[in-house]
Amino acid sequence: MKILTVDDDAQVRKLIERFLVAKGHEVVTAENGEQGVAVAKGERPDLIIMDLNMPVMDGFGATRALKADPDTKHIPILVLTAEDAMSSYDAIYDAGADGYLAKPIKFPALLARIAEYA
């Protein structure tokens, strides 16, 4: 699977990338929502894992942009959030995300979510 990871924290991006590559996935990365939208349009990943709170364009804006575009609306988006999941649950799905994972990331849960889209 080709997976796009979008997170403004370079350490988080690298950690997720190394883990996914070790599990046999191809990984492309972006450091903010605006860059994530551009990379998604160019790379056409099978799945996007996107942080919610980022500079330039947050995960809500990027998700809305991707779901509004006929070329990327089919790509599943998992949102990562350090926020209390209940406080942003409705907003995450209203933006068009297909699911979410809480930070800090629990890698068995991440693998289970990825398997849903494989």
N, C-alpha and C. Protein backbone atom coordinates (compact mmCIF):
# COMPACT_ATOMS: atom_id res chain seq x y z
N MET A 1 0.84 -1.18 0.00
CA MET A 1 0.00 0.00 0.00
C MET A 1 0.88 1.24 0.00
N LYS A 2 0.47 2.24 -0.76
CA LYS A 2 1.15 3.53 -0.69
C LYS A 2 0.40 4.41 0.30
N ILE A 3 1.12 4.89 1.32
CA ILE A 3 0.49 5.67 2.39
C ILE A 3 1.16 7.03 2.47
N LEU A 4 0.34 8.07 2.49
CA LEU A 4 0.82 9.44 2.69
C LEU A 4 0.64 9.78 4.16
N THR A 5 1.73 10.20 4.80
CA THR A 5 1.69 10.64 6.19
C THR A 5 1.89 12.15 6.21
N VAL A 6 0.94 12.87 6.81
CA VAL A 6 1.00 14.33 6.87
C VAL A 6 1.05 14.75 8.33
N ASP A 7 2.17 15.31 8.75
CA ASP A 7 2.34 15.75 10.14
C ASP A 7 3.41 16.81 10.18
N ASP A 8 3.19 17.86 10.95
CA ASP A 8 4.17 18.94 11.04
C ASP A 8 5.34 18.59 11.95
N ASP A 9 5.23 17.53 12.71
CA ASP A 9 6.31 17.10 13.60
C ASP A 9 7.19 16.09 12.84
N ALA A 10 8.42 16.51 12.53
CA ALA A 10 9.33 15.67 11.76
C ALA A 10 9.60 14.33 12.44
N GLN A 11 9.68 14.32 13.76
CA GLN A 11 9.94 13.07 14.48
C GLN A 11 8.78 12.09 14.34
N VAL A 12 7.57 12.62 14.42
CA VAL A 12 6.39 11.77 14.26
C VAL A 12 6.34 11.21 12.84
N ARG A 13 6.58 12.07 11.84
CA ARG A 13 6.59 11.61 10.45
C ARG A 13 7.60 10.49 10.26
N LYS A 14 8.81 10.67 10.76
CA LYS A 14 9.86 9.66 10.60
C LYS A 14 9.51 8.37 11.33
N LEU A 15 8.97 8.48 12.52
CA LEU A 15 8.59 7.31 13.30
C LEU A 15 7.54 6.49 12.56
N ILE A 16 6.50 7.16 12.07
CA ILE A 16 5.45 6.46 11.33
C ILE A 16 6.01 5.88 10.04
N GLU A 17 6.82 6.67 9.33
CA GLU A 17 7.40 6.21 8.07
C GLU A 17 8.24 4.94 8.28
N ARG A 18 9.13 4.96 9.25
CA ARG A 18 9.98 3.79 9.51
C ARG A 18 9.15 2.55 9.85
N PHE A 19 8.14 2.75 10.68
CA PHE A 19 7.28 1.65 11.08
C PHE A 19 6.56 1.06 9.87
N LEU A 20 5.96 1.93 9.05
CA LEU A 20 5.19 1.45 7.90
C LEU A 20 6.06 0.81 6.84
N VAL A 21 7.23 1.39 6.59
CA VAL A 21 8.16 0.80 5.63
C VAL A 21 8.58 -0.60 6.10
N ALA A 22 8.84 -0.74 7.39
CA ALA A 22 9.21 -2.05 7.94
C ALA A 22 8.09 -3.07 7.78
N LYS A 23 6.86 -2.58 7.69
CA LYS A 23 5.71 -3.47 7.49
C LYS A 23 5.38 -3.67 6.01
N GLY A 24 6.25 -3.15 5.12
CA GLY A 24 6.10 -3.42 3.69
C GLY A 24 5.33 -2.37 2.90
N HIS A 25 5.03 -1.24 3.51
CA HIS A 25 4.29 -0.20 2.80
C HIS A 25 5.24 0.80 2.16
N GLU A 26 4.78 1.42 1.09
CA GLU A 26 5.50 2.54 0.48
C GLU A 26 4.95 3.80 1.17
N VAL A 27 5.84 4.70 1.58
CA VAL A 27 5.41 5.88 2.32
C VAL A 27 5.92 7.14 1.66
N VAL A 28 5.01 8.11 1.51
CA VAL A 28 5.36 9.46 1.10
C VAL A 28 4.91 10.38 2.24
N THR A 29 5.58 11.52 2.39
CA THR A 29 5.28 12.38 3.52
C THR A 29 5.07 13.83 3.10
N ALA A 30 4.41 14.56 3.99
CA ALA A 30 4.22 16.00 3.84
C ALA A 30 4.20 16.61 5.23
N GLU A 31 4.59 17.89 5.33
CA GLU A 31 4.72 18.50 6.65
C GLU A 31 3.60 19.46 7.02
N ASN A 32 2.62 19.66 6.15
CA ASN A 32 1.45 20.45 6.51
C ASN A 32 0.32 20.07 5.57
N GLY A 33 -0.88 20.56 5.88
CA GLY A 33 -2.04 20.19 5.09
C GLY A 33 -1.98 20.62 3.64
N GLU A 34 -1.46 21.81 3.40
CA GLU A 34 -1.37 22.30 2.02
C GLU A 34 -0.44 21.40 1.20
N GLN A 35 0.70 21.08 1.77
CA GLN A 35 1.64 20.18 1.09
C GLN A 35 1.02 18.79 0.95
N GLY A 36 0.29 18.36 1.96
CA GLY A 36 -0.37 17.06 1.90
C GLY A 36 -1.36 16.95 0.76
N VAL A 37 -2.13 18.00 0.54
CA VAL A 37 -3.08 18.01 -0.58
C VAL A 37 -2.32 17.89 -1.90
N ALA A 38 -1.26 18.65 -2.05
CA ALA A 38 -0.47 18.61 -3.29
C ALA A 38 0.16 17.23 -3.51
N VAL A 39 0.73 16.65 -2.46
CA VAL A 39 1.35 15.33 -2.58
C VAL A 39 0.29 14.28 -2.91
N ALA A 40 -0.86 14.36 -2.27
CA ALA A 40 -1.94 13.40 -2.55
C ALA A 40 -2.37 13.46 -4.01
N LYS A 41 -2.47 14.67 -4.55
CA LYS A 41 -2.87 14.81 -5.96
C LYS A 41 -1.82 14.23 -6.90
N GLY A 42 -0.55 14.39 -6.54
CA GLY A 42 0.52 13.90 -7.40
C GLY A 42 0.83 12.42 -7.23
N GLU A 43 0.77 11.93 -6.01
CA GLU A 43 1.17 10.56 -5.70
C GLU A 43 0.02 9.55 -5.71
N ARG A 44 -1.20 10.01 -5.52
CA ARG A 44 -2.37 9.14 -5.46
C ARG A 44 -2.18 7.97 -4.50
N PRO A 45 -1.99 8.27 -3.21
CA PRO A 45 -1.79 7.19 -2.23
C PRO A 45 -3.07 6.38 -2.04
N ASP A 46 -2.91 5.22 -1.44
CA ASP A 46 -4.05 4.35 -1.13
C ASP A 46 -4.71 4.76 0.18
N LEU A 47 -3.96 5.48 1.02
CA LEU A 47 -4.44 5.90 2.33
C LEU A 47 -3.66 7.13 2.76
N ILE A 48 -4.33 8.03 3.48
CA ILE A 48 -3.67 9.21 4.04
C ILE A 48 -3.83 9.16 5.55
N ILE A 49 -2.71 9.35 6.25
CA ILE A 49 -2.72 9.47 7.71
C ILE A 49 -2.32 10.91 7.99
N MET A 50 -3.25 11.70 8.57
CA MET A 50 -3.05 13.14 8.67
C MET A 50 -3.26 13.66 10.08
N ASP A 51 -2.28 14.44 10.53
CA ASP A 51 -2.40 15.13 11.81
C ASP A 51 -3.52 16.15 11.70
N LEU A 52 -4.15 16.45 12.80
CA LEU A 52 -5.25 17.40 12.81
C LEU A 52 -4.75 18.84 12.95
N ASN A 53 -3.84 19.06 13.88
CA ASN A 53 -3.36 20.42 14.16
C ASN A 53 -2.01 20.65 13.51
N MET A 54 -2.01 21.45 12.44
CA MET A 54 -0.79 21.77 11.70
C MET A 54 -0.85 23.22 11.24
N PRO A 55 0.32 23.82 11.01
CA PRO A 55 0.34 25.17 10.44
C PRO A 55 0.01 25.14 8.95
N VAL A 56 -0.14 26.29 8.37
CA VAL A 56 -0.42 26.52 6.95
C VAL A 56 -1.84 26.09 6.63
N MET A 57 -2.15 24.79 6.70
CA MET A 57 -3.51 24.27 6.53
C MET A 57 -3.64 23.10 7.49
N ASP A 58 -4.64 23.16 8.35
CA ASP A 58 -4.81 22.07 9.32
C ASP A 58 -5.44 20.84 8.67
N GLY A 59 -5.56 19.79 9.46
CA GLY A 59 -6.12 18.54 8.95
C GLY A 59 -7.58 18.66 8.52
N PHE A 60 -8.33 19.53 9.18
CA PHE A 60 -9.73 19.74 8.77
C PHE A 60 -9.79 20.32 7.36
N GLY A 61 -9.03 21.39 7.13
CA GLY A 61 -9.02 22.05 5.82
C GLY A 61 -8.50 21.14 4.73
N ALA A 62 -7.43 20.40 5.02
CA ALA A 62 -6.86 19.50 4.03
C ALA A 62 -7.83 18.37 3.70
N THR A 63 -8.49 17.83 4.72
CA THR A 63 -9.47 16.76 4.49
C THR A 63 -10.62 17.26 3.63
N ARG A 64 -11.13 18.44 3.96
CA ARG A 64 -12.23 19.01 3.15
C ARG A 64 -11.78 19.22 1.70
N ALA A 65 -10.57 19.73 1.50
CA ALA A 65 -10.06 19.97 0.15
C ALA A 65 -9.92 18.65 -0.62
N LEU A 66 -9.39 17.63 0.02
CA LEU A 66 -9.21 16.35 -0.65
C LEU A 66 -10.54 15.67 -0.97
N LYS A 67 -11.49 15.76 -0.07
CA LYS A 67 -12.79 15.12 -0.30
C LYS A 67 -13.64 15.90 -1.31
N ALA A 68 -13.33 17.17 -1.53
CA ALA A 68 -14.06 17.97 -2.51
C ALA A 68 -13.51 17.78 -3.93
N ASP A 69 -12.34 17.21 -4.05
CA ASP A 69 -11.69 17.03 -5.35
C ASP A 69 -12.04 15.66 -5.92
N PRO A 70 -12.61 15.60 -7.12
CA PRO A 70 -12.99 14.30 -7.70
C PRO A 70 -11.81 13.33 -7.84
N ASP A 71 -10.59 13.85 -7.97
CA ASP A 71 -9.43 12.99 -8.14
C ASP A 71 -8.93 12.37 -6.84
N THR A 72 -9.30 12.95 -5.70
CA THR A 72 -8.78 12.44 -4.42
C THR A 72 -9.88 12.07 -3.42
N LYS A 73 -11.13 12.31 -3.76
CA LYS A 73 -12.21 12.08 -2.78
C LYS A 73 -12.35 10.63 -2.34
N HIS A 74 -11.87 9.71 -3.15
CA HIS A 74 -11.98 8.28 -2.83
C HIS A 74 -10.89 7.80 -1.87
N ILE A 75 -9.86 8.61 -1.62
CA ILE A 75 -8.75 8.17 -0.78
C ILE A 75 -9.17 8.24 0.69
N PRO A 76 -9.09 7.13 1.41
CA PRO A 76 -9.44 7.15 2.83
C PRO A 76 -8.46 8.01 3.62
N ILE A 77 -8.98 8.75 4.60
CA ILE A 77 -8.17 9.62 5.44
C ILE A 77 -8.39 9.24 6.90
N LEU A 78 -7.28 8.90 7.57
CA LEU A 78 -7.29 8.68 9.01
C LEU A 78 -6.65 9.91 9.64
N VAL A 79 -7.36 10.54 10.54
CA VAL A 79 -6.87 11.74 11.21
C VAL A 79 -6.22 11.34 12.53
N LEU A 80 -5.05 11.93 12.79
CA LEU A 80 -4.38 11.75 14.07
C LEU A 80 -4.64 12.98 14.91
N THR A 81 -5.02 12.76 16.15
CA THR A 81 -5.28 13.91 17.01
C THR A 81 -4.83 13.65 18.43
N ALA A 82 -4.22 14.64 19.02
CA ALA A 82 -3.85 14.56 20.43
C ALA A 82 -4.98 15.09 21.29
N GLU A 83 -6.00 15.65 20.65
CA GLU A 83 -7.14 16.19 21.37
C GLU A 83 -8.00 15.06 21.93
N ASP A 84 -8.82 15.40 22.90
CA ASP A 84 -9.81 14.46 23.40
C ASP A 84 -10.70 14.09 22.22
N ALA A 85 -10.73 12.83 21.88
CA ALA A 85 -11.46 12.38 20.70
C ALA A 85 -12.93 12.79 20.73
N MET A 86 -13.53 12.81 21.88
CA MET A 86 -14.95 13.15 21.95
C MET A 86 -15.20 14.62 21.61
N SER A 87 -14.26 15.49 21.90
CA SER A 87 -14.48 16.91 21.64
C SER A 87 -14.41 17.25 20.16
N SER A 88 -13.69 16.45 19.37
CA SER A 88 -13.56 16.77 17.95
C SER A 88 -14.15 15.68 17.05
N TYR A 89 -14.77 14.69 17.64
CA TYR A 89 -15.32 13.55 16.90
C TYR A 89 -16.23 14.00 15.74
N ASP A 90 -17.22 14.81 16.04
CA ASP A 90 -18.16 15.25 14.99
C ASP A 90 -17.45 16.06 13.92
N ALA A 91 -16.57 16.97 14.33
CA ALA A 91 -15.86 17.82 13.36
C ALA A 91 -14.97 16.99 12.44
N ILE A 92 -14.35 15.95 12.97
CA ILE A 92 -13.48 15.08 12.16
C ILE A 92 -14.29 14.43 11.05
N TYR A 93 -15.43 13.87 11.40
CA TYR A 93 -16.26 13.20 10.39
C TYR A 93 -16.99 14.20 9.49
N ASP A 94 -17.37 15.34 10.03
CA ASP A 94 -18.00 16.38 9.20
C ASP A 94 -17.05 16.87 8.12
N ALA A 95 -15.75 16.89 8.41
CA ALA A 95 -14.76 17.31 7.42
C ALA A 95 -14.58 16.27 6.31
N GLY A 96 -15.02 15.05 6.57
CA GLY A 96 -14.93 14.00 5.56
C GLY A 96 -13.95 12.89 5.88
N ALA A 97 -13.33 12.94 7.05
CA ALA A 97 -12.38 11.89 7.42
C ALA A 97 -13.10 10.55 7.55
N ASP A 98 -12.36 9.50 7.28
CA ASP A 98 -12.92 8.15 7.36
C ASP A 98 -12.70 7.51 8.72
N GLY A 99 -11.83 8.10 9.52
CA GLY A 99 -11.58 7.58 10.84
C GLY A 99 -10.54 8.42 11.55
N TYR A 100 -10.26 8.07 12.79
CA TYR A 100 -9.25 8.82 13.54
C TYR A 100 -8.52 7.89 14.49
N LEU A 101 -7.33 8.32 14.86
CA LEU A 101 -6.53 7.64 15.87
C LEU A 101 -6.02 8.70 16.83
N ALA A 102 -6.02 8.38 18.11
CA ALA A 102 -5.52 9.31 19.11
C ALA A 102 -4.00 9.21 19.20
N LYS A 103 -3.38 10.35 19.45
CA LYS A 103 -1.95 10.38 19.77
C LYS A 103 -1.82 10.30 21.28
N PRO A 104 -0.79 9.67 21.81
CA PRO A 104 0.30 9.04 21.09
C PRO A 104 -0.18 7.78 20.34
N ILE A 105 0.45 7.54 19.22
CA ILE A 105 0.05 6.45 18.34
C ILE A 105 0.38 5.10 18.97
N LYS A 106 -0.58 4.24 18.93
CA LYS A 106 -0.39 2.85 19.33
C LYS A 106 -0.32 2.05 18.03
N PHE A 107 0.88 1.53 17.74
CA PHE A 107 1.10 0.92 16.43
C PHE A 107 0.23 -0.29 16.13
N PRO A 108 -0.12 -1.13 17.09
CA PRO A 108 -1.07 -2.20 16.75
C PRO A 108 -2.43 -1.65 16.28
N ALA A 109 -2.87 -0.56 16.90
CA ALA A 109 -4.13 0.06 16.48
C ALA A 109 -3.99 0.66 15.08
N LEU A 110 -2.84 1.27 14.81
CA LEU A 110 -2.59 1.83 13.48
C LEU A 110 -2.63 0.73 12.43
N LEU A 111 -1.98 -0.39 12.69
CA LEU A 111 -2.00 -1.51 11.73
C LEU A 111 -3.41 -2.03 11.51
N ALA A 112 -4.18 -2.12 12.57
CA ALA A 112 -5.57 -2.59 12.45
C ALA A 112 -6.37 -1.64 11.57
N ARG A 113 -6.19 -0.34 11.75
CA ARG A 113 -6.93 0.64 10.94
C ARG A 113 -6.48 0.57 9.48
N ILE A 114 -5.19 0.44 9.24
CA ILE A 114 -4.68 0.32 7.87
C ILE A 114 -5.26 -0.92 7.19
N ALA A 115 -5.35 -2.01 7.92
CA ALA A 115 -5.88 -3.25 7.35
C ALA A 115 -7.32 -3.08 6.86
N GLU A 116 -8.06 -2.16 7.46
CA GLU A 116 -9.45 -1.91 7.03
C GLU A 116 -9.51 -1.35 5.62
N TYR A 117 -8.42 -0.74 5.16
CA TYR A 117 -8.41 -0.09 3.85
C TYR A 117 -7.55 -0.82 2.84
N ALA A 118 -6.96 -1.94 3.23
CA ALA A 118 -6.08 -2.69 2.32
C ALA A 118 -6.87 -3.47 1.29
